[in-house]
Full PDB file with SEQRES, HELIX, SHEET, SSBOND, CRYST1, ORIGX, SCALE, CONECT and MASTER records, all heavy atoms in Angstrom:
SEQRES   1 A   42  GLU GLU ALA ALA ASP GLU LEU ARG ASN ALA ALA ASN ALA          
SEQRES   2 A   42  THR VAL ARG ASP LYS VAL VAL GLN TYR VAL SER ALA LEU          
SEQRES   3 A   42  CYS PRO GLY ALA GLY ALA ASP ALA VAL LEU GLN TRP ILE          
SEQRES   4 A   42  ASP HIS GLY                                                  
HELIX    1 AA1 ASP A    5  ARG A    8  5                                   4    
HELIX    2 AA2 ALA A   10  ASN A   12  5                                   3    
HELIX    3 AA3 ALA A   13  LEU A   26  1                                  14    
HELIX    4 AA4 ALA A   32  ASP A   40  1                                   9    
CRYST1    1.000    1.000    1.000  90.00  90.00  90.00 P 1           1          
ORIGX1      1.000000  0.000000  0.000000        0.00000                         
ORIGX2      0.000000  1.000000  0.000000        0.00000                         
ORIGX3      0.000000  0.000000  1.000000        0.00000                         
SCALE1      1.000000  0.000000  0.000000        0.00000                         
SCALE2      0.000000  1.000000  0.000000        0.00000                         
SCALE3      0.000000  0.000000  1.000000        0.00000                         
ATOM      1  N   GLU A   1       9.635 -10.292   3.861  1.00  0.00           N  
ATOM      2  CA  GLU A   1       8.972 -10.576   5.140  1.00  0.00           C  
ATOM      3  C   GLU A   1       7.489 -10.240   5.147  1.00  0.00           C  
ATOM      4  O   GLU A   1       6.681 -10.948   5.743  1.00  0.00           O  
ATOM      5  CB  GLU A   1       9.663  -9.820   6.280  1.00  0.00           C  
ATOM      6  CG  GLU A   1       9.023 -10.120   7.628  1.00  0.00           C  
ATOM      7  CD  GLU A   1       9.787  -9.543   8.806  1.00  0.00           C  
ATOM      8  OE1 GLU A   1      10.598  -8.642   8.606  1.00  0.00           O  
ATOM      9  OE2 GLU A   1       9.571 -10.031   9.931  1.00  0.00           O  
ATOM     10  N   GLU A   2       7.105  -9.139   4.518  1.00  0.00           N  
ATOM     11  CA  GLU A   2       5.746  -8.645   4.668  1.00  0.00           C  
ATOM     12  C   GLU A   2       4.818  -9.083   3.531  1.00  0.00           C  
ATOM     13  O   GLU A   2       5.259  -9.509   2.472  1.00  0.00           O  
ATOM     14  CB  GLU A   2       5.744  -7.112   4.761  1.00  0.00           C  
ATOM     15  CG  GLU A   2       6.653  -6.558   5.840  1.00  0.00           C  
ATOM     16  CD  GLU A   2       6.375  -7.065   7.238  1.00  0.00           C  
ATOM     17  OE1 GLU A   2       5.273  -7.607   7.484  1.00  0.00           O  
ATOM     18  OE2 GLU A   2       7.247  -6.951   8.098  1.00  0.00           O  
ATOM     19  N   ALA A   3       3.509  -8.957   3.778  1.00  0.00           N  
ATOM     20  CA  ALA A   3       2.469  -9.180   2.775  1.00  0.00           C  
ATOM     21  C   ALA A   3       1.411  -8.101   2.984  1.00  0.00           C  
ATOM     22  O   ALA A   3       1.292  -7.524   4.068  1.00  0.00           O  
ATOM     23  CB  ALA A   3       1.863 -10.563   2.919  1.00  0.00           C  
ATOM     24  N   ALA A   4       0.651  -7.823   1.937  1.00  0.00           N  
ATOM     25  CA  ALA A   4      -0.300  -6.694   1.985  1.00  0.00           C  
ATOM     26  C   ALA A   4      -1.671  -7.092   2.498  1.00  0.00           C  
ATOM     27  O   ALA A   4      -2.573  -6.242   2.556  1.00  0.00           O  
ATOM     28  CB  ALA A   4      -0.428  -6.090   0.586  1.00  0.00           C  
ATOM     29  N   ASP A   5      -1.863  -8.346   2.888  1.00  0.00           N  
ATOM     30  CA  ASP A   5      -3.194  -8.808   3.286  1.00  0.00           C  
ATOM     31  C   ASP A   5      -3.830  -7.918   4.345  1.00  0.00           C  
ATOM     32  O   ASP A   5      -5.013  -7.541   4.241  1.00  0.00           O  
ATOM     33  CB  ASP A   5      -3.121 -10.242   3.812  1.00  0.00           C  
ATOM     34  CG  ASP A   5      -2.728 -11.233   2.732  1.00  0.00           C  
ATOM     35  OD1 ASP A   5      -2.728 -10.836   1.541  1.00  0.00           O  
ATOM     36  OD2 ASP A   5      -2.425 -12.394   3.068  1.00  0.00           O  
ATOM     37  N   GLU A   6      -3.047  -7.572   5.371  1.00  0.00           N  
ATOM     38  CA  GLU A   6      -3.622  -6.809   6.480  1.00  0.00           C  
ATOM     39  C   GLU A   6      -3.952  -5.375   6.057  1.00  0.00           C  
ATOM     40  O   GLU A   6      -4.825  -4.742   6.661  1.00  0.00           O  
ATOM     41  CB  GLU A   6      -2.669  -6.836   7.673  1.00  0.00           C  
ATOM     42  CG  GLU A   6      -2.575  -8.246   8.255  1.00  0.00           C  
ATOM     43  CD  GLU A   6      -1.504  -8.380   9.319  1.00  0.00           C  
ATOM     44  OE1 GLU A   6      -1.281  -7.399  10.045  1.00  0.00           O  
ATOM     45  OE2 GLU A   6      -0.912  -9.467   9.429  1.00  0.00           O  
ATOM     46  N   LEU A   7      -3.276  -4.873   5.045  1.00  0.00           N  
ATOM     47  CA  LEU A   7      -3.599  -3.526   4.563  1.00  0.00           C  
ATOM     48  C   LEU A   7      -4.919  -3.505   3.800  1.00  0.00           C  
ATOM     49  O   LEU A   7      -5.511  -2.438   3.631  1.00  0.00           O  
ATOM     50  CB  LEU A   7      -2.474  -3.007   3.664  1.00  0.00           C  
ATOM     51  CG  LEU A   7      -1.136  -2.747   4.343  1.00  0.00           C  
ATOM     52  CD1 LEU A   7      -0.126  -2.243   3.323  1.00  0.00           C  
ATOM     53  CD2 LEU A   7      -1.269  -1.758   5.493  1.00  0.00           C  
ATOM     54  N   ARG A   8      -5.379  -4.658   3.345  1.00  0.00           N  
ATOM     55  CA  ARG A   8      -6.664  -4.734   2.653  1.00  0.00           C  
ATOM     56  C   ARG A   8      -7.827  -4.787   3.632  1.00  0.00           C  
ATOM     57  O   ARG A   8      -8.985  -4.682   3.232  1.00  0.00           O  
ATOM     58  CB  ARG A   8      -6.686  -5.943   1.727  1.00  0.00           C  
ATOM     59  CG  ARG A   8      -5.687  -5.839   0.564  1.00  0.00           C  
ATOM     60  CD  ARG A   8      -5.826  -6.998  -0.418  1.00  0.00           C  
ATOM     61  NE  ARG A   8      -4.977  -6.784  -1.577  1.00  0.00           N  
ATOM     62  CZ  ARG A   8      -3.729  -7.232  -1.695  1.00  0.00           C  
ATOM     63  NH1 ARG A   8      -3.198  -7.941  -0.694  1.00  0.00           N  
ATOM     64  NH2 ARG A   8      -3.029  -6.989  -2.779  1.00  0.00           N  
ATOM     65  N   ASN A   9      -7.532  -4.978   4.906  1.00  0.00           N  
ATOM     66  CA  ASN A   9      -8.545  -4.974   5.954  1.00  0.00           C  
ATOM     67  C   ASN A   9      -9.020  -3.539   6.190  1.00  0.00           C  
ATOM     68  O   ASN A   9      -8.202  -2.636   6.412  1.00  0.00           O  
ATOM     69  CB  ASN A   9      -7.949  -5.571   7.231  1.00  0.00           C  
ATOM     70  CG  ASN A   9      -8.968  -5.772   8.322  1.00  0.00           C  
ATOM     71  OD1 ASN A   9      -9.933  -5.011   8.443  1.00  0.00           O  
ATOM     72  ND2 ASN A   9      -8.727  -6.778   9.153  1.00  0.00           N  
ATOM     73  N   ALA A  10     -10.310  -3.317   6.155  1.00  0.00           N  
ATOM     74  CA  ALA A  10     -10.864  -1.968   6.317  1.00  0.00           C  
ATOM     75  C   ALA A  10     -10.426  -1.337   7.635  1.00  0.00           C  
ATOM     76  O   ALA A  10     -10.279  -0.114   7.723  1.00  0.00           O  
ATOM     77  CB  ALA A  10     -12.388  -2.008   6.232  1.00  0.00           C  
ATOM     78  N   ALA A  11     -10.178  -2.166   8.653  1.00  0.00           N  
ATOM     79  CA  ALA A  11      -9.754  -1.632   9.954  1.00  0.00           C  
ATOM     80  C   ALA A  11      -8.383  -0.986   9.896  1.00  0.00           C  
ATOM     81  O   ALA A  11      -8.030  -0.193  10.760  1.00  0.00           O  
ATOM     82  CB  ALA A  11      -9.762  -2.757  10.993  1.00  0.00           C  
ATOM     83  N   ASN A  12      -7.606  -1.328   8.859  1.00  0.00           N  
ATOM     84  CA  ASN A  12      -6.256  -0.777   8.725  1.00  0.00           C  
ATOM     85  C   ASN A  12      -6.163   0.251   7.595  1.00  0.00           C  
ATOM     86  O   ASN A  12      -5.068   0.497   7.085  1.00  0.00           O  
ATOM     87  CB  ASN A  12      -5.256  -1.917   8.485  1.00  0.00           C  
ATOM     88  CG  ASN A  12      -5.183  -2.880   9.648  1.00  0.00           C  
ATOM     89  OD1 ASN A  12      -5.234  -2.469  10.804  1.00  0.00           O  
ATOM     90  ND2 ASN A  12      -5.050  -4.159   9.354  1.00  0.00           N  
ATOM     91  N   ALA A  13      -7.288   0.853   7.259  1.00  0.00           N  
ATOM     92  CA  ALA A  13      -7.313   1.797   6.141  1.00  0.00           C  
ATOM     93  C   ALA A  13      -6.408   2.992   6.386  1.00  0.00           C  
ATOM     94  O   ALA A  13      -5.773   3.511   5.459  1.00  0.00           O  
ATOM     95  CB  ALA A  13      -8.740   2.268   5.901  1.00  0.00           C  
ATOM     96  N   THR A  14      -6.281   3.444   7.631  1.00  0.00           N  
ATOM     97  CA  THR A  14      -5.432   4.601   7.925  1.00  0.00           C  
ATOM     98  C   THR A  14      -3.973   4.292   7.632  1.00  0.00           C  
ATOM     99  O   THR A  14      -3.257   5.089   7.025  1.00  0.00           O  
ATOM    100  CB  THR A  14      -5.586   5.020   9.399  1.00  0.00           C  
ATOM    101  OG1 THR A  14      -6.944   5.399   9.642  1.00  0.00           O  
ATOM    102  CG2 THR A  14      -4.684   6.208   9.723  1.00  0.00           C  
ATOM    103  N   VAL A  15      -3.530   3.109   8.053  1.00  0.00           N  
ATOM    104  CA  VAL A  15      -2.141   2.711   7.774  1.00  0.00           C  
ATOM    105  C   VAL A  15      -1.949   2.548   6.283  1.00  0.00           C  
ATOM    106  O   VAL A  15      -0.938   3.007   5.722  1.00  0.00           O  
ATOM    107  CB  VAL A  15      -1.790   1.406   8.525  1.00  0.00           C  
ATOM    108  CG1 VAL A  15      -0.428   0.896   8.110  1.00  0.00           C  
ATOM    109  CG2 VAL A  15      -1.840   1.628  10.034  1.00  0.00           C  
ATOM    110  N   ARG A  16      -2.895   1.899   5.606  1.00  0.00           N  
ATOM    111  CA  ARG A  16      -2.776   1.707   4.152  1.00  0.00           C  
ATOM    112  C   ARG A  16      -2.658   3.049   3.433  1.00  0.00           C  
ATOM    113  O   ARG A  16      -1.815   3.224   2.542  1.00  0.00           O  
ATOM    114  CB  ARG A  16      -3.992   0.947   3.611  1.00  0.00           C  
ATOM    115  CG  ARG A  16      -3.922   0.711   2.096  1.00  0.00           C  
ATOM    116  CD  ARG A  16      -5.224   0.134   1.562  1.00  0.00           C  
ATOM    117  NE  ARG A  16      -6.327   1.067   1.735  1.00  0.00           N  
ATOM    118  CZ  ARG A  16      -7.480   0.791   2.341  1.00  0.00           C  
ATOM    119  NH1 ARG A  16      -7.678  -0.414   2.861  1.00  0.00           N  
ATOM    120  NH2 ARG A  16      -8.418   1.703   2.451  1.00  0.00           N  
ATOM    121  N   ASP A  17      -3.489   4.004   3.816  1.00  0.00           N  
ATOM    122  CA  ASP A  17      -3.462   5.305   3.157  1.00  0.00           C  
ATOM    123  C   ASP A  17      -2.117   6.008   3.359  1.00  0.00           C  
ATOM    124  O   ASP A  17      -1.613   6.690   2.451  1.00  0.00           O  
ATOM    125  CB  ASP A  17      -4.590   6.189   3.674  1.00  0.00           C  
ATOM    126  CG  ASP A  17      -5.971   5.685   3.233  1.00  0.00           C  
ATOM    127  OD1 ASP A  17      -6.024   4.833   2.327  1.00  0.00           O  
ATOM    128  OD2 ASP A  17      -6.980   6.139   3.811  1.00  0.00           O  
ATOM    129  N   LYS A  18      -1.531   5.843   4.545  1.00  0.00           N  
ATOM    130  CA  LYS A  18      -0.226   6.458   4.788  1.00  0.00           C  
ATOM    131  C   LYS A  18       0.870   5.781   3.959  1.00  0.00           C  
ATOM    132  O   LYS A  18       1.766   6.449   3.454  1.00  0.00           O  
ATOM    133  CB  LYS A  18       0.119   6.395   6.285  1.00  0.00           C  
ATOM    134  CG  LYS A  18      -0.701   7.358   7.133  1.00  0.00           C  
ATOM    135  CD  LYS A  18      -0.201   7.387   8.567  1.00  0.00           C  
ATOM    136  CE  LYS A  18      -0.987   8.424   9.380  1.00  0.00           C  
ATOM    137  NZ  LYS A  18      -0.471   8.553  10.761  1.00  0.00           N  
ATOM    138  N   VAL A  19       0.781   4.460   3.811  1.00  0.00           N  
ATOM    139  CA  VAL A  19       1.748   3.754   2.968  1.00  0.00           C  
ATOM    140  C   VAL A  19       1.674   4.287   1.542  1.00  0.00           C  
ATOM    141  O   VAL A  19       2.698   4.607   0.927  1.00  0.00           O  
ATOM    142  CB  VAL A  19       1.480   2.227   3.000  1.00  0.00           C  
ATOM    143  CG1 VAL A  19       2.365   1.523   1.976  1.00  0.00           C  
ATOM    144  CG2 VAL A  19       1.709   1.667   4.387  1.00  0.00           C  
ATOM    145  N   VAL A  20       0.466   4.373   1.029  1.00  0.00           N  
ATOM    146  CA  VAL A  20       0.276   4.860  -0.345  1.00  0.00           C  
ATOM    147  C   VAL A  20       0.788   6.297  -0.465  1.00  0.00           C  
ATOM    148  O   VAL A  20       1.432   6.669  -1.470  1.00  0.00           O  
ATOM    149  CB  VAL A  20      -1.202   4.769  -0.753  1.00  0.00           C  
ATOM    150  CG1 VAL A  20      -1.424   5.424  -2.125  1.00  0.00           C  
ATOM    151  CG2 VAL A  20      -1.656   3.317  -0.778  1.00  0.00           C  
ATOM    152  N   GLN A  21       0.565   7.102   0.546  1.00  0.00           N  
ATOM    153  CA  GLN A  21       1.020   8.487   0.528  1.00  0.00           C  
ATOM    154  C   GLN A  21       2.549   8.563   0.391  1.00  0.00           C  
ATOM    155  O   GLN A  21       3.067   9.307  -0.445  1.00  0.00           O  
ATOM    156  CB  GLN A  21       0.570   9.189   1.802  1.00  0.00           C  
ATOM    157  CG  GLN A  21       1.107  10.608   1.967  1.00  0.00           C  
ATOM    158  CD  GLN A  21       0.796  11.174   3.349  1.00  0.00           C  
ATOM    159  OE1 GLN A  21      -0.135  10.735   4.029  1.00  0.00           O  
ATOM    160  NE2 GLN A  21       1.572  12.142   3.782  1.00  0.00           N  
ATOM    161  N   TYR A  22       3.252   7.782   1.193  1.00  0.00           N  
ATOM    162  CA  TYR A  22       4.719   7.821   1.148  1.00  0.00           C  
ATOM    163  C   TYR A  22       5.257   7.278  -0.171  1.00  0.00           C  
ATOM    164  O   TYR A  22       6.209   7.810  -0.741  1.00  0.00           O  
ATOM    165  CB  TYR A  22       5.313   7.038   2.324  1.00  0.00           C  
ATOM    166  CG  TYR A  22       5.356   7.830   3.614  1.00  0.00           C  
ATOM    167  CD1 TYR A  22       4.429   7.592   4.630  1.00  0.00           C  
ATOM    168  CD2 TYR A  22       6.320   8.805   3.819  1.00  0.00           C  
ATOM    169  CE1 TYR A  22       4.461   8.315   5.820  1.00  0.00           C  
ATOM    170  CE2 TYR A  22       6.358   9.545   5.001  1.00  0.00           C  
ATOM    171  CZ  TYR A  22       5.430   9.292   5.995  1.00  0.00           C  
ATOM    172  OH  TYR A  22       5.469  10.021   7.165  1.00  0.00           O  
ATOM    173  N   VAL A  23       4.660   6.203  -0.657  1.00  0.00           N  
ATOM    174  CA  VAL A  23       5.154   5.594  -1.894  1.00  0.00           C  
ATOM    175  C   VAL A  23       4.829   6.494  -3.092  1.00  0.00           C  
ATOM    176  O   VAL A  23       5.685   6.714  -3.960  1.00  0.00           O  
ATOM    177  CB  VAL A  23       4.544   4.189  -2.085  1.00  0.00           C  
ATOM    178  CG1 VAL A  23       4.931   3.622  -3.453  1.00  0.00           C  
ATOM    179  CG2 VAL A  23       5.008   3.251  -0.978  1.00  0.00           C  
ATOM    180  N   SER A  24       3.618   7.040  -3.148  1.00  0.00           N  
ATOM    181  CA  SER A  24       3.238   7.851  -4.294  1.00  0.00           C  
ATOM    182  C   SER A  24       4.007   9.165  -4.344  1.00  0.00           C  
ATOM    183  O   SER A  24       4.138   9.767  -5.418  1.00  0.00           O  
ATOM    184  CB  SER A  24       1.721   8.115  -4.277  1.00  0.00           C  
ATOM    185  OG  SER A  24       1.347   8.843  -3.111  1.00  0.00           O  
ATOM    186  N   ALA A  25       4.542   9.611  -3.212  1.00  0.00           N  
ATOM    187  CA  ALA A  25       5.367  10.818  -3.228  1.00  0.00           C  
ATOM    188  C   ALA A  25       6.627  10.611  -4.070  1.00  0.00           C  
ATOM    189  O   ALA A  25       7.177  11.550  -4.643  1.00  0.00           O  
ATOM    190  CB  ALA A  25       5.747  11.212  -1.805  1.00  0.00           C  
ATOM    191  N   LEU A  26       7.095   9.356  -4.149  1.00  0.00           N  
ATOM    192  CA  LEU A  26       8.267   9.011  -4.946  1.00  0.00           C  
ATOM    193  C   LEU A  26       7.910   8.356  -6.271  1.00  0.00           C  
ATOM    194  O   LEU A  26       8.740   8.307  -7.188  1.00  0.00           O  
ATOM    195  CB  LEU A  26       9.172   8.058  -4.147  1.00  0.00           C  
ATOM    196  CG  LEU A  26       9.762   8.655  -2.863  1.00  0.00           C  
ATOM    197  CD1 LEU A  26      10.440   7.564  -2.050  1.00  0.00           C  
ATOM    198  CD2 LEU A  26      10.755   9.752  -3.185  1.00  0.00           C  
ATOM    199  N   CYS A  27       6.689   7.864  -6.358  1.00  0.00           N  
ATOM    200  CA  CYS A  27       6.201   7.204  -7.590  1.00  0.00           C  
ATOM    201  C   CYS A  27       4.884   7.859  -7.967  1.00  0.00           C  
ATOM    202  O   CYS A  27       3.804   7.295  -7.698  1.00  0.00           O  
ATOM    203  CB  CYS A  27       6.013   5.715  -7.369  1.00  0.00           C  
ATOM    204  SG  CYS A  27       7.433   4.861  -6.677  1.00  0.00           S  
ATOM    205  N   PRO A  28       4.921   9.054  -8.553  1.00  0.00           N  
ATOM    206  CA  PRO A  28       3.704   9.810  -8.833  1.00  0.00           C  
ATOM    207  C   PRO A  28       2.694   8.985  -9.625  1.00  0.00           C  
ATOM    208  O   PRO A  28       3.033   8.285 -10.570  1.00  0.00           O  
ATOM    209  CB  PRO A  28       4.218  10.995  -9.672  1.00  0.00           C  
ATOM    210  CG  PRO A  28       5.636  11.159  -9.224  1.00  0.00           C  
ATOM    211  CD  PRO A  28       6.140   9.776  -8.964  1.00  0.00           C  
ATOM    212  N   GLY A  29       1.446   9.074  -9.177  1.00  0.00           N  
ATOM    213  CA  GLY A  29       0.374   8.364  -9.839  1.00  0.00           C  
ATOM    214  C   GLY A  29       0.117   6.975  -9.294  1.00  0.00           C  
ATOM    215  O   GLY A  29      -0.863   6.328  -9.667  1.00  0.00           O  
ATOM    216  N   ALA A  30       0.985   6.488  -8.391  1.00  0.00           N  
ATOM    217  CA  ALA A  30       0.788   5.146  -7.827  1.00  0.00           C  
ATOM    218  C   ALA A  30      -0.419   5.134  -6.899  1.00  0.00           C  
ATOM    219  O   ALA A  30      -0.482   5.898  -5.940  1.00  0.00           O  
ATOM    220  CB  ALA A  30       2.042   4.710  -7.068  1.00  0.00           C  
ATOM    221  N   GLY A  31      -1.374   4.289  -7.187  1.00  0.00           N  
ATOM    222  CA  GLY A  31      -2.554   4.157  -6.346  1.00  0.00           C  
ATOM    223  C   GLY A  31      -2.437   2.979  -5.403  1.00  0.00           C  
ATOM    224  O   GLY A  31      -1.434   2.234  -5.413  1.00  0.00           O  
ATOM    225  N   ALA A  32      -3.482   2.787  -4.617  1.00  0.00           N  
ATOM    226  CA  ALA A  32      -3.442   1.729  -3.605  1.00  0.00           C  
ATOM    227  C   ALA A  32      -3.254   0.359  -4.230  1.00  0.00           C  
ATOM    228  O   ALA A  32      -2.480  -0.463  -3.724  1.00  0.00           O  
ATOM    229  CB  ALA A  32      -4.714   1.772  -2.774  1.00  0.00           C  
ATOM    230  N   ASP A  33      -3.945   0.084  -5.337  1.00  0.00           N  
ATOM    231  CA  ASP A  33      -3.842  -1.253  -5.944  1.00  0.00           C  
ATOM    232  C   ASP A  33      -2.403  -1.548  -6.361  1.00  0.00           C  
ATOM    233  O   ASP A  33      -1.896  -2.644  -6.116  1.00  0.00           O  
ATOM    234  CB  ASP A  33      -4.771  -1.351  -7.158  1.00  0.00           C  
ATOM    235  CG  ASP A  33      -6.235  -1.420  -6.758  1.00  0.00           C  
ATOM    236  OD1 ASP A  33      -6.525  -1.685  -5.574  1.00  0.00           O  
ATOM    237  OD2 ASP A  33      -7.104  -1.209  -7.633  1.00  0.00           O  
ATOM    238  N   ALA A  34      -1.748  -0.586  -6.992  1.00  0.00           N  
ATOM    239  CA  ALA A  34      -0.369  -0.807  -7.440  1.00  0.00           C  
ATOM    240  C   ALA A  34       0.566  -1.001  -6.255  1.00  0.00           C  
ATOM    241  O   ALA A  34       1.429  -1.894  -6.267  1.00  0.00           O  
ATOM    242  CB  ALA A  34       0.094   0.377  -8.285  1.00  0.00           C  
ATOM    243  N   VAL A  35       0.413  -0.178  -5.228  1.00  0.00           N  
ATOM    244  CA  VAL A  35       1.290  -0.281  -4.046  1.00  0.00           C  
ATOM    245  C   VAL A  35       1.136  -1.632  -3.374  1.00  0.00           C  
ATOM    246  O   VAL A  35       2.130  -2.277  -3.000  1.00  0.00           O  
ATOM    247  CB  VAL A  35       1.009   0.867  -3.062  1.00  0.00           C  
ATOM    248  CG1 VAL A  35       1.772   0.665  -1.767  1.00  0.00           C  
ATOM    249  CG2 VAL A  35       1.380   2.219  -3.699  1.00  0.00           C  
ATOM    250  N   LEU A  36      -0.107  -2.090  -3.215  1.00  0.00           N  
ATOM    251  CA  LEU A  36      -0.335  -3.386  -2.582  1.00  0.00           C  
ATOM    252  C   LEU A  36       0.233  -4.525  -3.434  1.00  0.00           C  
ATOM    253  O   LEU A  36       0.765  -5.503  -2.911  1.00  0.00           O  
ATOM    254  CB  LEU A  36      -1.825  -3.606  -2.327  1.00  0.00           C  
ATOM    255  CG  LEU A  36      -2.502  -2.611  -1.368  1.00  0.00           C  
ATOM    256  CD1 LEU A  36      -3.950  -2.994  -1.139  1.00  0.00           C  
ATOM    257  CD2 LEU A  36      -1.775  -2.511  -0.053  1.00  0.00           C  
ATOM    258  N   GLN A  37       0.135  -4.402  -4.764  1.00  0.00           N  
ATOM    259  CA  GLN A  37       0.705  -5.415  -5.637  1.00  0.00           C  
ATOM    260  C   GLN A  37       2.233  -5.454  -5.529  1.00  0.00           C  
ATOM    261  O   GLN A  37       2.836  -6.537  -5.565  1.00  0.00           O  
ATOM    262  CB  GLN A  37       0.284  -5.155  -7.076  1.00  0.00           C  
ATOM    263  CG  GLN A  37      -1.184  -5.479  -7.350  1.00  0.00           C  
ATOM    264  CD  GLN A  37      -1.637  -5.051  -8.742  1.00  0.00           C  
ATOM    265  OE1 GLN A  37      -0.824  -4.705  -9.591  1.00  0.00           O  
ATOM    266  NE2 GLN A  37      -2.949  -5.080  -8.967  1.00  0.00           N  
ATOM    267  N   TRP A  38       2.851  -4.297  -5.402  1.00  0.00           N  
ATOM    268  CA  TRP A  38       4.313  -4.267  -5.240  1.00  0.00           C  
ATOM    269  C   TRP A  38       4.722  -4.954  -3.946  1.00  0.00           C  
ATOM    270  O   TRP A  38       5.683  -5.711  -3.907  1.00  0.00           O  
ATOM    271  CB  TRP A  38       4.826  -2.836  -5.277  1.00  0.00           C  
ATOM    272  CG  TRP A  38       4.675  -2.174  -6.602  1.00  0.00           C  
ATOM    273  CD1 TRP A  38       4.644  -2.781  -7.825  1.00  0.00           C  
ATOM    274  CD2 TRP A  38       4.514  -0.767  -6.862  1.00  0.00           C  
ATOM    275  NE1 TRP A  38       4.478  -1.845  -8.818  1.00  0.00           N  
ATOM    276  CE2 TRP A  38       4.402  -0.599  -8.274  1.00  0.00           C  
ATOM    277  CE3 TRP A  38       4.462   0.359  -6.057  1.00  0.00           C  
ATOM    278  CZ2 TRP A  38       4.238   0.637  -8.856  1.00  0.00           C  
ATOM    279  CZ3 TRP A  38       4.298   1.609  -6.641  1.00  0.00           C  
ATOM    280  CH2 TRP A  38       4.187   1.749  -8.030  1.00  0.00           C  
ATOM    281  N   ILE A  39       3.973  -4.674  -2.871  1.00  0.00           N  
ATOM    282  CA  ILE A  39       4.271  -5.348  -1.602  1.00  0.00           C  
ATOM    283  C   ILE A  39       4.149  -6.857  -1.756  1.00  0.00           C  
ATOM    284  O   ILE A  39       5.027  -7.619  -1.333  1.00  0.00           O  
ATOM    285  CB  ILE A  39       3.325  -4.840  -0.484  1.00  0.00           C  
ATOM    286  CG1 ILE A  39       3.592  -3.371  -0.177  1.00  0.00           C  
ATOM    287  CG2 ILE A  39       3.498  -5.684   0.790  1.00  0.00           C  
ATOM    288  CD1 ILE A  39       2.546  -2.722   0.714  1.00  0.00           C  
ATOM    289  N   ASP A  40       3.082  -7.300  -2.401  1.00  0.00           N  
ATOM    290  CA  ASP A  40       2.842  -8.732  -2.556  1.00  0.00           C  
ATOM    291  C   ASP A  40       3.802  -9.398  -3.532  1.00  0.00           C  
ATOM    292  O   ASP A  40       3.878 -10.637  -3.572  1.00  0.00           O  
ATOM    293  CB  ASP A  40       1.398  -8.990  -2.991  1.00  0.00           C  
ATOM    294  CG  ASP A  40       0.422  -8.886  -1.821  1.00  0.00           C  
ATOM    295  OD1 ASP A  40       0.875  -9.027  -0.670  1.00  0.00           O  
ATOM    296  OD2 ASP A  40      -0.772  -8.679  -2.064  1.00  0.00           O  
ATOM    297  N   HIS A  41       4.538  -8.616  -4.303  1.00  0.00           N  
ATOM    298  CA  HIS A  41       5.576  -9.209  -5.165  1.00  0.00           C  
ATOM    299  C   HIS A  41       6.638  -9.888  -4.308  1.00  0.00           C  
ATOM    300  O   HIS A  41       7.376 -10.752  -4.801  1.00  0.00           O  
ATOM    301  CB  HIS A  41       6.224  -8.117  -6.030  1.00  0.00           C  
ATOM    302  CG  HIS A  41       7.234  -8.632  -7.003  1.00  0.00           C  
ATOM    303  ND1 HIS A  41       6.924  -9.552  -7.991  1.00  0.00           N  
ATOM    304  CD2 HIS A  41       8.571  -8.394  -7.143  1.00  0.00           C  
ATOM    305  CE1 HIS A  41       8.000  -9.834  -8.701  1.00  0.00           C  
ATOM    306  NE2 HIS A  41       9.015  -9.157  -8.199  1.00  0.00           N  
ATOM    307  N   GLY A  42       6.696  -9.536  -3.033  1.00  0.00           N  
ATOM    308  CA  GLY A  42       7.651 -10.166  -2.124  1.00  0.00           C  
ATOM    309  C   GLY A  42       7.181 -11.487  -1.555  1.00  0.00           C  
ATOM    310  O   GLY A  42       7.837 -12.059  -0.683  1.00  0.00           O  
TER     311      GLY A  42                                                      
MASTER        0    0    0    4    0    0    0    6  310    1    0    4          
END                                                                             
């Protein structure tokens, strides 16, 4: 259902950072680029 386009918008940086925080807690070392690519794999 989702795509990462809106997370790349600077206005949504707070939400993007929280997404990366939750994902990287389970996938150590995962940065924003990797997390957004995983989302866009959908």
